[in-house]
C-alpha atoms as a PDB file:
ATOM      1  CA  MET A   1     -72.742  39.619 213.118  1.00  0.00           C
ATOM      2  CA  ASN A   2     -75.543  37.125 213.734  1.00  0.00           C
ATOM      3  CA  LEU A   3     -75.093  33.764 215.504  1.00  0.00           C
ATOM      4  CA  LEU A   4     -75.272  31.659 212.342  1.00  0.00           C
ATOM      5  CA  ARG A   5     -72.442  33.632 210.737  1.00  0.00           C
ATOM      6  CA  LYS A   6     -70.332  33.157 213.873  1.00  0.00           C
ATOM      7  CA  LEU A   7     -70.956  29.415 213.763  1.00  0.00           C
ATOM      8  CA  LEU A   8     -69.776  29.345 210.140  1.00  0.00           C
ATOM      9  CA  PHE A   9     -66.397  30.816 211.104  1.00  0.00           C
ATOM     10  CA  PRO A  10     -64.463  27.581 210.286  1.00  0.00           C
ATOM     11  CA  PHE A  11     -65.849  27.696 206.741  1.00  0.00           C
ATOM     12  CA  ALA A  12     -64.699  31.315 206.440  1.00  0.00           C
ATOM     13  CA  ILE A  13     -61.159  30.222 207.362  1.00  0.00           C
ATOM     14  CA  LEU A  14     -61.317  27.447 204.751  1.00  0.00           C
ATOM     15  CA  TYR A  15     -62.709  29.787 202.096  1.00  0.00           C
ATOM     16  CA  GLY A  16     -60.022  32.345 202.902  1.00  0.00           C
ATOM     17  CA  PHE A  17     -57.310  29.690 202.525  1.00  0.00           C
ATOM     18  CA  ILE A  18     -58.670  28.589 199.130  1.00  0.00           C
ATOM     19  CA  THR A  19     -58.911  32.134 197.726  1.00  0.00           C
ATOM     20  CA  SER A  20     -55.481  33.061 199.120  1.00  0.00           C
ATOM     21  CA  LEU A  21     -53.954  29.952 197.510  1.00  0.00           C
ATOM     22  CA  ARG A  22     -55.570  30.863 194.206  1.00  0.00           C
ATOM     23  CA  ASN A  23     -54.186  34.410 194.390  1.00  0.00           C
ATOM     24  CA  TYR A  24     -50.734  33.071 195.306  1.00  0.00           C
ATOM     25  CA  LEU A  25     -50.728  30.812 192.235  1.00  0.00           C
ATOM     26  CA  TYR A  26     -51.618  33.775 190.012  1.00  0.00           C
ATOM     27  CA  ASP A  27     -49.099  36.079 191.703  1.00  0.00           C
ATOM     28  CA  LYS A  28     -46.298  33.535 191.146  1.00  0.00           C
ATOM     29  CA  GLY A  29     -47.294  32.860 187.540  1.00  0.00           C
ATOM     30  CA  ILE A  30     -48.234  29.228 188.184  1.00  0.00           C
ATOM     31  CA  LEU A  31     -51.718  30.076 186.987  1.00  0.00           C
ATOM     32  CA  LYS A  32     -51.470  32.244 183.882  1.00  0.00           C
ATOM     33  CA  SER A  33     -52.913  35.754 183.596  1.00  0.00           C
ATOM     34  CA  TYR A  34     -53.400  37.376 180.193  1.00  0.00           C
ATOM     35  CA  SER A  35     -52.849  41.045 179.371  1.00  0.00           C
ATOM     36  CA  PHE A  36     -53.853  42.962 176.255  1.00  0.00           C
ATOM     37  CA  ASP A  37     -52.483  45.749 174.079  1.00  0.00           C
ATOM     38  CA  ILE A  38     -55.231  48.267 174.876  1.00  0.00           C
ATOM     39  CA  PRO A  39     -56.225  49.985 178.140  1.00  0.00           C
ATOM     40  CA  VAL A  40     -58.279  47.634 180.321  1.00  0.00           C
ATOM     41  CA  ILE A  41     -59.768  49.146 183.485  1.00  0.00           C
ATOM     42  CA  ALA A  42     -61.286  46.770 186.046  1.00  0.00           C
ATOM     43  CA  VAL A  43     -63.823  48.114 188.544  1.00  0.00           C
ATOM     44  CA  GLY A  44     -64.726  45.872 191.457  1.00  0.00           C
ATOM     45  CA  ASN A  45     -64.756  45.258 195.171  1.00  0.00           C
ATOM     46  CA  LEU A  46     -63.710  42.753 197.814  1.00  0.00           C
ATOM     47  CA  SER A  47     -67.189  42.370 199.310  1.00  0.00           C
ATOM     48  CA  VAL A  48     -70.436  41.037 197.901  1.00  0.00           C
ATOM     49  CA  GLY A  49     -72.721  43.638 196.351  1.00  0.00           C
ATOM     50  CA  GLY A  50     -73.773  47.153 197.149  1.00  0.00           C
ATOM     51  CA  THR A  51     -70.599  49.215 196.639  1.00  0.00           C
ATOM     52  CA  GLY A  52     -71.820  51.275 193.665  1.00  0.00           C
ATOM     53  CA  LYS A  53     -70.055  49.609 190.732  1.00  0.00           C
ATOM     54  CA  THR A  54     -72.723  50.590 188.190  1.00  0.00           C
ATOM     55  CA  PRO A  55     -72.597  54.385 188.769  1.00  0.00           C
ATOM     56  CA  GLN A  56     -68.794  54.212 188.808  1.00  0.00           C
ATOM     57  CA  ILE A  57     -68.707  52.409 185.443  1.00  0.00           C
ATOM     58  CA  GLU A  58     -71.113  55.036 184.107  1.00  0.00           C
ATOM     59  CA  TYR A  59     -68.827  57.795 185.426  1.00  0.00           C
ATOM     60  CA  LEU A  60     -65.936  56.289 183.454  1.00  0.00           C
ATOM     61  CA  ILE A  61     -68.096  55.994 180.334  1.00  0.00           C
ATOM     62  CA  ARG A  62     -68.982  59.694 180.546  1.00  0.00           C
ATOM     63  CA  LEU A  63     -65.341  60.595 181.136  1.00  0.00           C
ATOM     64  CA  LEU A  64     -63.862  58.502 178.318  1.00  0.00           C
ATOM     65  CA  SER A  65     -66.440  58.049 175.567  1.00  0.00           C
ATOM     66  CA  PRO A  66     -66.211  61.599 174.113  1.00  0.00           C
ATOM     67  CA  ASN A  67     -62.624  60.864 173.039  1.00  0.00           C
ATOM     68  CA  TYR A  68     -62.309  57.087 172.800  1.00  0.00           C
ATOM     69  CA  LYS A  69     -64.168  54.048 171.499  1.00  0.00           C
ATOM     70  CA  VAL A  70     -65.309  52.489 174.773  1.00  0.00           C
ATOM     71  CA  ALA A  71     -66.600  48.973 175.437  1.00  0.00           C
ATOM     72  CA  THR A  72     -67.916  47.520 178.685  1.00  0.00           C
ATOM     73  CA  LEU A  73     -67.576  43.829 179.484  1.00  0.00           C
ATOM     74  CA  SER A  74     -69.626  42.214 182.252  1.00  0.00           C
ATOM     75  CA  ARG A  75     -70.358  38.620 183.144  1.00  0.00           C
ATOM     76  CA  GLY A  76     -74.095  39.329 182.783  1.00  0.00           C
ATOM     77  CA  TYR A  77     -75.193  38.195 186.227  1.00  0.00           C
ATOM     78  CA  LYS A  78     -78.427  36.133 186.217  1.00  0.00           C
ATOM     79  CA  ARG A  79     -78.842  36.403 182.444  1.00  0.00           C
ATOM     80  CA  LYS A  80     -80.583  33.548 180.638  1.00  0.00           C
ATOM     81  CA  SER A  81     -77.962  33.281 177.898  1.00  0.00           C
ATOM     82  CA  GLU A  82     -74.464  31.815 177.728  1.00  0.00           C
ATOM     83  CA  GLY A  83     -71.116  32.699 176.221  1.00  0.00           C
ATOM     84  CA  PHE A  84     -70.097  35.936 174.540  1.00  0.00           C
ATOM     85  CA  ILE A  85     -72.839  38.313 173.460  1.00  0.00           C
ATOM     86  CA  LEU A  86     -72.448  41.791 171.997  1.00  0.00           C
ATOM     87  CA  ALA A  87     -75.527  43.938 172.642  1.00  0.00           C
ATOM     88  CA  ASP A  88     -77.663  44.860 169.641  1.00  0.00           C
ATOM     89  CA  ALA A  89     -81.216  45.963 168.870  1.00  0.00           C
ATOM     90  CA  ALA A  90     -82.559  42.498 169.754  1.00  0.00           C
ATOM     91  CA  SER A  91     -80.975  42.466 173.228  1.00  0.00           C
ATOM     92  CA  THR A  92     -83.047  42.276 176.415  1.00  0.00           C
ATOM     93  CA  THR A  93     -82.334  42.091 180.138  1.00  0.00           C
ATOM     94  CA  GLU A  94     -82.807  38.318 179.926  1.00  0.00           C
ATOM     95  CA  ILE A  95     -80.042  38.120 177.306  1.00  0.00           C
ATOM     96  CA  LEU A  96     -77.575  40.626 178.804  1.00  0.00           C
ATOM     97  CA  GLY A  97     -78.464  40.976 182.473  1.00  0.00           C
ATOM     98  CA  ASP A  98     -79.842  44.161 184.001  1.00  0.00           C
ATOM     99  CA  GLU A  99     -76.683  46.253 184.415  1.00  0.00           C
ATOM    100  CA  PRO A 100     -75.235  45.651 180.912  1.00  0.00           C
ATOM    101  CA  PHE A 101     -78.665  46.306 179.398  1.00  0.00           C
ATOM    102  CA  GLN A 102     -78.809  49.570 181.343  1.00  0.00           C
ATOM    103  CA  TYR A 103     -75.436  50.602 179.854  1.00  0.00           C
ATOM    104  CA  PHE A 104     -76.664  49.646 176.384  1.00  0.00           C
ATOM    105  CA  LYS A 105     -79.866  51.694 176.660  1.00  0.00           C
ATOM    106  CA  LYS A 106     -78.192  54.670 178.302  1.00  0.00           C
ATOM    107  CA  PHE A 107     -75.036  54.958 176.189  1.00  0.00           C
ATOM    108  CA  PRO A 108     -75.796  54.076 172.556  1.00  0.00           C
ATOM    109  CA  ASN A 109     -72.350  55.272 171.428  1.00  0.00           C
ATOM    110  CA  ILE A 110     -70.436  52.485 173.214  1.00  0.00           C
ATOM    111  CA  GLN A 111     -70.166  48.712 172.800  1.00  0.00           C
ATOM    112  CA  VAL A 112     -71.664  46.557 175.551  1.00  0.00           C
ATOM    113  CA  ALA A 113     -70.727  42.898 175.844  1.00  0.00           C
ATOM    114  CA  VAL A 114     -71.164  40.045 178.313  1.00  0.00           C
ATOM    115  CA  ASP A 115     -69.080  36.947 178.874  1.00  0.00           C
ATOM    116  CA  ALA A 116     -68.337  35.052 182.089  1.00  0.00           C
ATOM    117  CA  ASP A 117     -64.895  34.309 180.606  1.00  0.00           C
ATOM    118  CA  ARG A 118     -63.430  37.821 180.507  1.00  0.00           C
ATOM    119  CA  LYS A 119     -60.378  36.685 178.512  1.00  0.00           C
ATOM    120  CA  ASN A 120     -62.583  35.309 175.757  1.00  0.00           C
ATOM    121  CA  GLY A 121     -64.831  38.376 175.980  1.00  0.00           C
ATOM    122  CA  ILE A 122     -61.909  40.754 175.436  1.00  0.00           C
ATOM    123  CA  GLU A 123     -60.601  38.656 172.532  1.00  0.00           C
ATOM    124  CA  GLN A 124     -64.042  38.694 170.916  1.00  0.00           C
ATOM    125  CA  LEU A 125     -64.314  42.472 171.311  1.00  0.00           C
ATOM    126  CA  LEU A 126     -60.887  42.970 169.768  1.00  0.00           C
ATOM    127  CA  ASN A 127     -61.951  40.865 166.787  1.00  0.00           C
ATOM    128  CA  GLN A 128     -64.945  43.102 166.071  1.00  0.00           C
ATOM    129  CA  LYS A 129     -64.897  45.228 162.942  1.00  0.00           C
ATOM    130  CA  SER A 130     -65.243  48.321 165.137  1.00  0.00           C
ATOM    131  CA  ARG A 131     -62.440  47.583 167.589  1.00  0.00           C
ATOM    132  CA  PRO A 132     -62.720  49.364 170.966  1.00  0.00           C
ATOM    133  CA  GLU A 133     -59.875  51.537 172.221  1.00  0.00           C
ATOM    134  CA  ILE A 134     -60.711  50.986 175.915  1.00  0.00           C
ATOM    135  CA  ILE A 135     -62.436  48.129 177.737  1.00  0.00           C
ATOM    136  CA  LEU A 136     -64.102  48.641 181.116  1.00  0.00           C
ATOM    137  CA  LEU A 137     -64.416  45.399 183.093  1.00  0.00           C
ATOM    138  CA  ASP A 138     -67.459  45.471 185.363  1.00  0.00           C
ATOM    139  CA  ASP A 139     -67.085  43.547 188.645  1.00  0.00           C
ATOM    140  CA  ALA A 140     -63.824  41.839 187.657  1.00  0.00           C
ATOM    141  CA  PHE A 141     -61.496  42.455 190.599  1.00  0.00           C
ATOM    142  CA  GLN A 142     -61.328  38.705 191.359  1.00  0.00           C
ATOM    143  CA  HIS A 143     -61.123  37.636 187.688  1.00  0.00           C
ATOM    144  CA  ARG A 144     -57.387  36.924 187.787  1.00  0.00           C
ATOM    145  CA  LYS A 145     -57.291  35.170 184.401  1.00  0.00           C
ATOM    146  CA  VAL A 146     -57.211  38.664 182.891  1.00  0.00           C
ATOM    147  CA  LYS A 147     -54.559  41.081 184.096  1.00  0.00           C
ATOM    148  CA  ALA A 148     -56.111  44.504 183.721  1.00  0.00           C
ATOM    149  CA  GLY A 149     -53.893  47.491 183.167  1.00  0.00           C
ATOM    150  CA  PHE A 150     -55.623  49.484 185.917  1.00  0.00           C
ATOM    151  CA  TYR A 151     -57.661  48.368 188.951  1.00  0.00           C
ATOM    152  CA  ILE A 152     -60.237  50.530 190.750  1.00  0.00           C
ATOM    153  CA  LEU A 153     -61.326  49.086 194.090  1.00  0.00           C
ATOM    154  CA  LEU A 154     -64.610  50.258 195.618  1.00  0.00           C
ATOM    155  CA  THR A 155     -65.501  49.987 199.287  1.00  0.00           C
ATOM    156  CA  ALA A 156     -68.696  51.365 200.836  1.00  0.00           C
ATOM    157  CA  TYR A 157     -68.414  53.969 203.607  1.00  0.00           C
ATOM    158  CA  GLU A 158     -70.636  51.985 205.990  1.00  0.00           C
ATOM    159  CA  ASP A 159     -68.999  48.636 205.157  1.00  0.00           C
ATOM    160  CA  LEU A 160     -65.259  49.209 204.702  1.00  0.00           C
ATOM    161  CA  PHE A 161     -63.369  46.112 203.618  1.00  0.00           C
ATOM    162  CA  CYS A 162     -60.764  46.727 206.329  1.00  0.00           C
ATOM    163  CA  ASP A 163     -63.476  46.146 208.970  1.00  0.00           C
ATOM    164  CA  ASP A 164     -64.924  43.031 207.289  1.00  0.00           C
ATOM    165  CA  PHE A 165     -64.166  39.305 207.260  1.00  0.00           C
ATOM    166  CA  MET A 166     -64.309  36.420 204.806  1.00  0.00           C
ATOM    167  CA  LEU A 167     -67.541  34.795 203.668  1.00  0.00           C
ATOM    168  CA  PRO A 168     -69.681  33.305 205.132  1.00  0.00           C
ATOM    169  CA  THR A 169     -68.839  34.939 208.485  1.00  0.00           C
ATOM    170  CA  GLY A 170     -68.400  38.330 206.820  1.00  0.00           C
ATOM    171  CA  ASN A 171     -68.974  39.639 203.299  1.00  0.00           C
ATOM    172  CA  LEU A 172     -65.496  39.455 201.760  1.00  0.00           C
ATOM    173  CA  ARG A 173     -64.977  37.453 198.574  1.00  0.00           C
ATOM    174  CA  GLU A 174     -61.242  37.245 199.258  1.00  0.00           C
ATOM    175  CA  SER A 175     -58.716  38.313 201.863  1.00  0.00           C
ATOM    176  CA  ARG A 176     -58.313  42.013 202.572  1.00  0.00           C
ATOM    177  CA  ASN A 177     -54.779  41.626 201.215  1.00  0.00           C
ATOM    178  CA  GLY A 178     -56.357  41.520 197.753  1.00  0.00           C
ATOM    179  CA  ALA A 179     -56.672  45.304 198.013  1.00  0.00           C
ATOM    180  CA  LYS A 180     -52.943  45.538 197.272  1.00  0.00           C
ATOM    181  CA  ARG A 181     -53.746  44.904 193.604  1.00  0.00           C
ATOM    182  CA  ALA A 182     -55.649  48.197 193.411  1.00  0.00           C
ATOM    183  CA  ASN A 183     -54.201  51.199 191.591  1.00  0.00           C
ATOM    184  CA  LEU A 184     -56.639  53.431 193.445  1.00  0.00           C
ATOM    185  CA  ILE A 185     -59.435  53.044 195.997  1.00  0.00           C
ATOM    186  CA  ILE A 186     -62.787  54.834 196.134  1.00  0.00           C
ATOM    187  CA  VAL A 187     -64.772  54.956 199.362  1.00  0.00           C
ATOM    188  CA  THR A 188     -68.315  55.090 197.980  1.00  0.00           C
ATOM    189  CA  LYS A 189     -71.736  56.083 199.315  1.00  0.00           C
ATOM    190  CA  CYS A 190     -70.267  58.614 201.729  1.00  0.00           C
ATOM    191  CA  PRO A 191     -72.595  61.029 203.532  1.00  0.00           C
ATOM    192  CA  LEU A 192     -72.376  64.519 202.076  1.00  0.00           C
ATOM    193  CA  GLN A 193     -71.465  65.906 205.497  1.00  0.00           C
ATOM    194  CA  ILE A 194     -68.379  63.706 205.934  1.00  0.00           C
ATOM    195  CA  THR A 195     -65.574  65.871 207.285  1.00  0.00           C
ATOM    196  CA  GLU A 196     -62.056  66.208 205.943  1.00  0.00           C
ATOM    197  CA  LEU A 197     -60.774  64.809 209.240  1.00  0.00           C
ATOM    198  CA  GLU A 198     -62.902  61.669 208.889  1.00  0.00           C
ATOM    199  CA  GLN A 199     -61.660  61.197 205.333  1.00  0.00           C
ATOM    200  CA  GLN A 200     -58.082  61.417 206.607  1.00  0.00           C
ATOM    201  CA  GLU A 201     -58.821  58.865 209.360  1.00  0.00           C
ATOM    202  CA  ILE A 202     -60.373  56.396 206.890  1.00  0.00           C
ATOM    203  CA  SER A 203     -57.457  56.869 204.482  1.00  0.00           C
ATOM    204  CA  ALA A 204     -54.976  56.189 207.299  1.00  0.00           C
ATOM    205  CA  LYS A 205     -56.877  53.045 208.312  1.00  0.00           C
ATOM    206  CA  LEU A 206     -56.847  51.717 204.743  1.00  0.00           C
ATOM    207  CA  ARG A 207     -53.156  52.550 204.278  1.00  0.00           C
ATOM    208  CA  ARG A 208     -52.224  50.750 207.504  1.00  0.00           C
ATOM    209  CA  LEU A 209     -53.872  47.629 206.140  1.00  0.00           C
ATOM    210  CA  LEU A 210     -52.091  48.008 202.805  1.00  0.00           C
ATOM    211  CA  HIS A 211     -48.730  48.802 204.472  1.00  0.00           C
ATOM    212  CA  ARG A 212     -48.457  51.748 202.098  1.00  0.00           C
ATOM    213  CA  GLN A 213     -48.422  54.688 204.470  1.00  0.00           C
ATOM    214  CA  ASN A 214     -45.537  56.282 202.564  1.00  0.00           C
ATOM    215  CA  ASP A 215     -46.528  54.997 199.142  1.00  0.00           C
ATOM    216  CA  ASN A 216     -48.144  57.633 196.946  1.00  0.00           C
ATOM    217  CA  LYS A 217     -48.940  55.183 194.161  1.00  0.00           C
ATOM    218  CA  VAL A 218     -52.369  54.341 195.595  1.00  0.00           C
ATOM    219  CA  GLU A 219     -54.694  57.322 195.848  1.00  0.00           C
ATOM    220  CA  ILE A 220     -57.838  57.135 197.990  1.00  0.00           C
ATOM    221  CA  PHE A 221     -60.938  59.050 196.879  1.00  0.00           C
ATOM    222  CA  PHE A 222     -64.341  59.638 198.460  1.00  0.00           C
ATOM    223  CA  SER A 223     -67.620  59.697 196.571  1.00  0.00           C
ATOM    224  CA  SER A 224     -71.336  59.845 197.268  1.00  0.00           C
ATOM    225  CA  ILE A 225     -74.466  58.898 195.391  1.00  0.00           C
ATOM    226  CA  ASP A 226     -75.981  61.910 193.664  1.00  0.00           C
ATOM    227  CA  TYR A 227     -79.727  61.488 193.149  1.00  0.00           C
ATOM    228  CA  ASP A 228     -81.527  63.297 190.360  1.00  0.00           C
ATOM    229  CA  ASP A 229     -84.192  65.865 191.220  1.00  0.00           C
ATOM    230  CA  LYS A 230     -86.545  64.228 188.709  1.00  0.00           C
ATOM    231  CA  VAL A 231     -87.848  60.744 187.951  1.00  0.00           C
ATOM    232  CA  TYR A 232     -88.237  59.582 184.355  1.00  0.00           C
ATOM    233  CA  ASN A 233     -89.774  57.100 181.987  1.00  0.00           C
ATOM    234  CA  ASP A 234     -89.545  56.878 178.203  1.00  0.00           C
ATOM    235  CA  THR A 235     -91.924  59.779 177.572  1.00  0.00           C
ATOM    236  CA  GLU A 236     -91.971  62.177 180.536  1.00  0.00           C
ATOM    237  CA  SER A 237     -90.371  63.332 183.763  1.00  0.00           C
ATOM    238  CA  LEU A 238     -91.709  64.387 187.165  1.00  0.00           C
ATOM    239  CA  ALA A 239     -90.076  66.541 189.823  1.00  0.00           C
ATOM    240  CA  VAL A 240     -89.179  64.711 193.032  1.00  0.00           C
ATOM    241  CA  SER A 241     -90.469  67.680 195.034  1.00  0.00           C
ATOM    242  CA  ASP A 242     -93.919  67.184 193.488  1.00  0.00           C
ATOM    243  CA  LEU A 243     -93.800  63.416 193.938  1.00  0.00           C
ATOM    244  CA  LYS A 244     -93.328  63.771 197.668  1.00  0.00           C
ATOM    245  CA  LEU A 245     -96.781  65.330 197.856  1.00  0.00           C
ATOM    246  CA  THR A 246     -98.382  62.337 196.126  1.00  0.00           C
ATOM    247  CA  PRO A 247     -98.988  58.806 197.487  1.00  0.00           C
ATOM    248  CA  LYS A 248     -96.942  56.384 195.348  1.00  0.00           C
ATOM    249  CA  MET A 249     -95.319  52.984 195.291  1.00  0.00           C
ATOM    250  CA  LEU A 250     -91.564  52.669 195.750  1.00  0.00           C
ATOM    251  CA  LEU A 251     -90.031  49.458 194.471  1.00  0.00           C
ATOM    252  CA  ALA A 252     -86.429  48.218 194.611  1.00  0.00           C
ATOM    253  CA  GLY A 253     -84.603  44.996 193.810  1.00  0.00           C
ATOM    254  CA  ILE A 254     -81.027  46.067 194.592  1.00  0.00           C
ATOM    255  CA  ALA A 255     -78.488  45.049 197.234  1.00  0.00           C
ATOM    256  CA  LYS A 256     -78.879  48.028 199.587  1.00  0.00           C
ATOM    257  CA  PRO A 257     -82.082  49.988 198.816  1.00  0.00           C
ATOM    258  CA  LYS A 258     -82.328  52.072 202.019  1.00  0.00           C
ATOM    259  CA  PRO A 259     -80.810  55.302 200.559  1.00  0.00           C
ATOM    260  CA  PHE A 260     -83.202  55.063 197.589  1.00  0.00           C
ATOM    261  CA  PHE A 261     -86.200  54.769 199.903  1.00  0.00           C
ATOM    262  CA  ASP A 262     -84.910  57.469 202.256  1.00  0.00           C
ATOM    263  CA  TYR A 263     -84.618  59.930 199.378  1.00  0.00           C
ATOM    264  CA  LEU A 264     -88.208  59.479 198.148  1.00  0.00           C
ATOM    265  CA  GLN A 265     -90.364  57.944 200.853  1.00  0.00           C
ATOM    266  CA  THR A 266     -93.177  59.644 202.783  1.00  0.00           C
ATOM    267  CA  ASP A 267     -95.635  58.166 205.276  1.00  0.00           C
ATOM    268  CA  LYS A 268     -98.275  57.726 202.550  1.00  0.00           C
ATOM    269  CA  ASP A 269     -96.152  55.555 200.260  1.00  0.00           C
ATOM    270  CA  GLU A 270     -96.380  51.831 199.575  1.00  0.00           C
ATOM    271  CA  VAL A 271     -92.982  50.079 199.607  1.00  0.00           C
ATOM    272  CA  MET A 272     -91.930  46.788 197.990  1.00  0.00           C
ATOM    273  CA  THR A 273     -88.467  45.224 198.164  1.00  0.00           C
ATOM    274  CA  PHE A 274     -87.010  42.307 196.215  1.00  0.00           C
ATOM    275  CA  SER A 275     -83.638  40.569 196.176  1.00  0.00           C
ATOM    276  CA  ASP A 276     -80.752  41.994 194.157  1.00  0.00           C
ATOM    277  CA  HIS A 277     -81.052  41.322 190.380  1.00  0.00           C
ATOM    278  CA  HIS A 278     -84.530  39.866 190.937  1.00  0.00           C
ATOM    279  CA  HIS A 279     -86.278  38.517 187.843  1.00  0.00           C
ATOM    280  CA  PHE A 280     -89.906  39.622 188.091  1.00  0.00           C
ATOM    281  CA  SER A 281     -92.334  36.758 187.507  1.00  0.00           C
ATOM    282  CA  GLU A 282     -95.908  37.095 186.271  1.00  0.00           C
ATOM    283  CA  SER A 283     -97.165  36.701 189.841  1.00  0.00           C
ATOM    284  CA  ASP A 284     -94.767  39.467 190.973  1.00  0.00           C
ATOM    285  CA  ILE A 285     -96.141  41.789 188.292  1.00  0.00           C
ATOM    286  CA  LEU A 286     -99.742  41.012 189.227  1.00  0.00           C
ATOM    287  CA  ASN A 287     -98.953  41.668 192.896  1.00  0.00           C
ATOM    288  CA  ILE A 288     -97.237  44.976 192.072  1.00  0.00           C
ATOM    289  CA  LYS A 289    -100.148  46.115 189.919  1.00  0.00           C
ATOM    290  CA  SER A 290    -102.744  45.162 192.533  1.00  0.00           C
ATOM    291  CA  ARG A 291    -100.914  47.119 195.252  1.00  0.00           C
ATOM    292  CA  ALA A 292    -100.261  50.130 193.027  1.00  0.00           C
ATOM    293  CA  ILE A 293    -103.708  50.762 191.624  1.00  0.00           C
ATOM    294  CA  ASP A 294    -103.993  54.447 190.630  1.00  0.00           C
ATOM    295  CA  LYS A 295    -100.479  55.112 191.979  1.00  0.00           C
ATOM    296  CA  ILE A 296     -97.266  56.087 190.293  1.00  0.00           C
ATOM    297  CA  ILE A 297     -94.543  53.440 190.687  1.00  0.00           C
ATOM    298  CA  VAL A 298     -90.993  54.713 191.181  1.00  0.00           C
ATOM    299  CA  THR A 299     -88.119  52.257 190.997  1.00  0.00           C
ATOM    300  CA  THR A 300     -84.369  52.172 190.529  1.00  0.00           C
ATOM    301  CA  GLU A 301     -82.783  52.420 187.111  1.00  0.00           C
ATOM    302  CA  LYS A 302     -81.683  48.762 187.225  1.00  0.00           C
ATOM    303  CA  ASP A 303     -85.190  47.610 188.141  1.00  0.00           C
ATOM    304  CA  PHE A 304     -86.750  49.814 185.478  1.00  0.00           C
ATOM    305  CA  VAL A 305     -84.961  47.973 182.659  1.00  0.00           C
ATOM    306  CA  ARG A 306     -86.374  44.685 184.001  1.00  0.00           C
ATOM    307  CA  LEU A 307     -89.894  46.038 184.532  1.00  0.00           C
ATOM    308  CA  ASP A 308     -90.201  48.160 181.398  1.00  0.00           C
ATOM    309  CA  ALA A 309     -92.910  46.778 179.069  1.00  0.00           C
ATOM    310  CA  LYS A 310     -94.344  44.700 181.933  1.00  0.00           C
ATOM    311  CA  ILE A 311     -96.090  47.648 183.592  1.00  0.00           C
ATOM    312  CA  LEU A 312     -97.956  50.543 181.994  1.00  0.00           C
ATOM    313  CA  ARG A 313     -95.427  53.045 180.660  1.00  0.00           C
ATOM    314  CA  LYS A 314     -97.338  56.018 182.101  1.00  0.00           C
ATOM    315  CA  GLN A 315     -97.300  54.467 185.567  1.00  0.00           C
ATOM    316  CA  LEU A 316     -93.662  53.393 185.897  1.00  0.00           C
ATOM    317  CA  PHE A 317     -90.753  55.810 186.532  1.00  0.00           C
ATOM    318  CA  TYR A 318     -87.117  55.466 187.589  1.00  0.00           C
ATOM    319  CA  LEU A 319     -84.769  57.623 189.650  1.00  0.00           C
ATOM    320  CA  PRO A 320     -81.323  58.117 188.045  1.00  0.00           C
ATOM    321  CA  ILE A 321     -78.200  58.207 190.206  1.00  0.00           C
ATOM    322  CA  LYS A 322     -74.613  59.249 189.562  1.00  0.00           C
ATOM    323  CA  SER A 323     -71.306  58.823 191.336  1.00  0.00           C
ATOM    324  CA  LYS A 324     -70.141  62.200 192.667  1.00  0.00           C
ATOM    325  CA  PHE A 325     -66.647  62.826 194.043  1.00  0.00           C
ATOM    326  CA  LEU A 326     -66.674  64.903 197.216  1.00  0.00           C
ATOM    327  CA  ILE A 327     -63.235  66.384 196.516  1.00  0.00           C
ATOM    328  CA  ASN A 328     -60.379  65.888 194.052  1.00  0.00           C
ATOM    329  CA  GLN A 329     -62.545  64.904 191.067  1.00  0.00           C
ATOM    330  CA  GLU A 330     -60.027  66.573 188.740  1.00  0.00           C
ATOM    331  CA  SER A 331     -57.240  64.485 190.257  1.00  0.00           C
ATOM    332  CA  PHE A 332     -59.183  61.260 189.689  1.00  0.00           C
ATOM    333  CA  ASP A 333     -59.963  62.218 186.089  1.00  0.00           C
ATOM    334  CA  LYS A 334     -56.315  63.062 185.442  1.00  0.00           C
ATOM    335  CA  ILE A 335     -55.101  59.692 186.787  1.00  0.00           C
ATOM    336  CA  ILE A 336     -57.504  57.786 184.522  1.00  0.00           C
ATOM    337  CA  LEU A 337     -56.840  59.950 181.469  1.00  0.00           C
ATOM    338  CA  ASN A 338     -53.069  59.751 181.969  1.00  0.00           C
ATOM    339  CA  TYR A 339     -53.220  55.950 182.160  1.00  0.00           C
ATOM    340  CA  VAL A 340     -55.375  55.714 179.035  1.00  0.00           C
ATOM    341  CA  GLY A 341     -53.375  58.394 177.222  1.00  0.00           C
ATOM    342  CA  THR A 342     -50.095  56.615 177.938  1.00  0.00           C
ATOM    343  CA  CYS A 343     -51.486  53.369 176.539  1.00  0.00           C
ATOM    344  CA  THR A 344     -53.008  54.998 173.450  1.00  0.00           C
ATOM    345  CA  ASN A 345     -50.467  57.773 172.841  1.00  0.00           C
ATOM    346  CA  LYS A 346     -53.127  60.460 173.262  1.00  0.00           C
ATOM    347  CA  SER A 347     -52.008  63.244 175.576  1.00  0.00           C
ATOM    348  CA  VAL A 348     -54.549  64.693 177.991  1.00  0.00           C
ATOM    349  CA  SER A 349     -53.990  68.193 176.604  1.00  0.00           C
ATOM    350  CA  ASN A 350     -55.243  67.098 173.176  1.00  0.00           C
ATOM    351  CA  LEU A 351     -58.500  65.610 174.438  1.00  0.00           C
ATOM    352  CA  ASN A 352     -61.903  67.247 174.415  1.00  0.00           C
ATOM    353  CA  ILE A 353     -62.589  67.080 178.150  1.00  0.00           C
ATOM    354  CA  LYS A 354     -65.933  68.384 179.336  1.00  0.00           C
ATOM    355  CA  ASP A 355     -66.565  69.538 182.881  1.00  0.00           C
END
């Protein structure tokens, strides 16, 4: 923790009091929460950025969309539009935001919507002619105006919420006690070599904080980021093993880009980093092009949707990632499918579940 953050400790106490008061008012029903008659799954975190919400939402889309009409609802962070918008052929990253636009491009069989007011967004989706059967709320753990039917809390392996503190001294958006709203917790971005003993120790630490040592209602899962062995653009793919033999530019505008760079980087590569959700200006594009002359540019999937059409298609590639459970994937799937099946009267045994 740097000196400035330590000096801001009184503001962290004040911020913690305000967010705790807000949660208390919602918990007691003084501020009203709204629930809906379809399954609503909220995926979020207690800390700011970098816990892997996007690959986890995509995991749920892959799990649920073969058997249900799925919609995602995001606030559309840093978009240049306002209000409720349902993605269509005219949508862009400027209209939707980068993550919703990524969902829209990647999963054409689902509905993708944005609205900072999640209650209004859900109501608008339910009024559509093609009414969704499930709504996935992206980054909505603190959006108490909507009471989701199921809450998935993410916490990064190297930045566990139980070891963190309130903003601006730490990175927490609300008190660690907010984790008690979770139906299950996923420790994300784990190293592949994490041992079973370490998983047990982390689980015990989280349960001590939640005071749920003997409560089996909250399962704790462990996942890692699974990188593809190829990079892609709209027309071709290249093997990562071949790329490592070629000088290239690596470019990322995400919260925590180090694993992305570690997976691809060699000593001969040019590297550029930008802030999370960065909107690339004309001067940014000119700078990128001047530093990447005669080089392939490899970026993240989120950055690709913002850079596509601004850089030569044959030059720009992206590296896909997925959320991968280290153990107990079947148990996670069953919990989600049982919740959705109970709400929709579809039993798990009657679904077309693909491995």
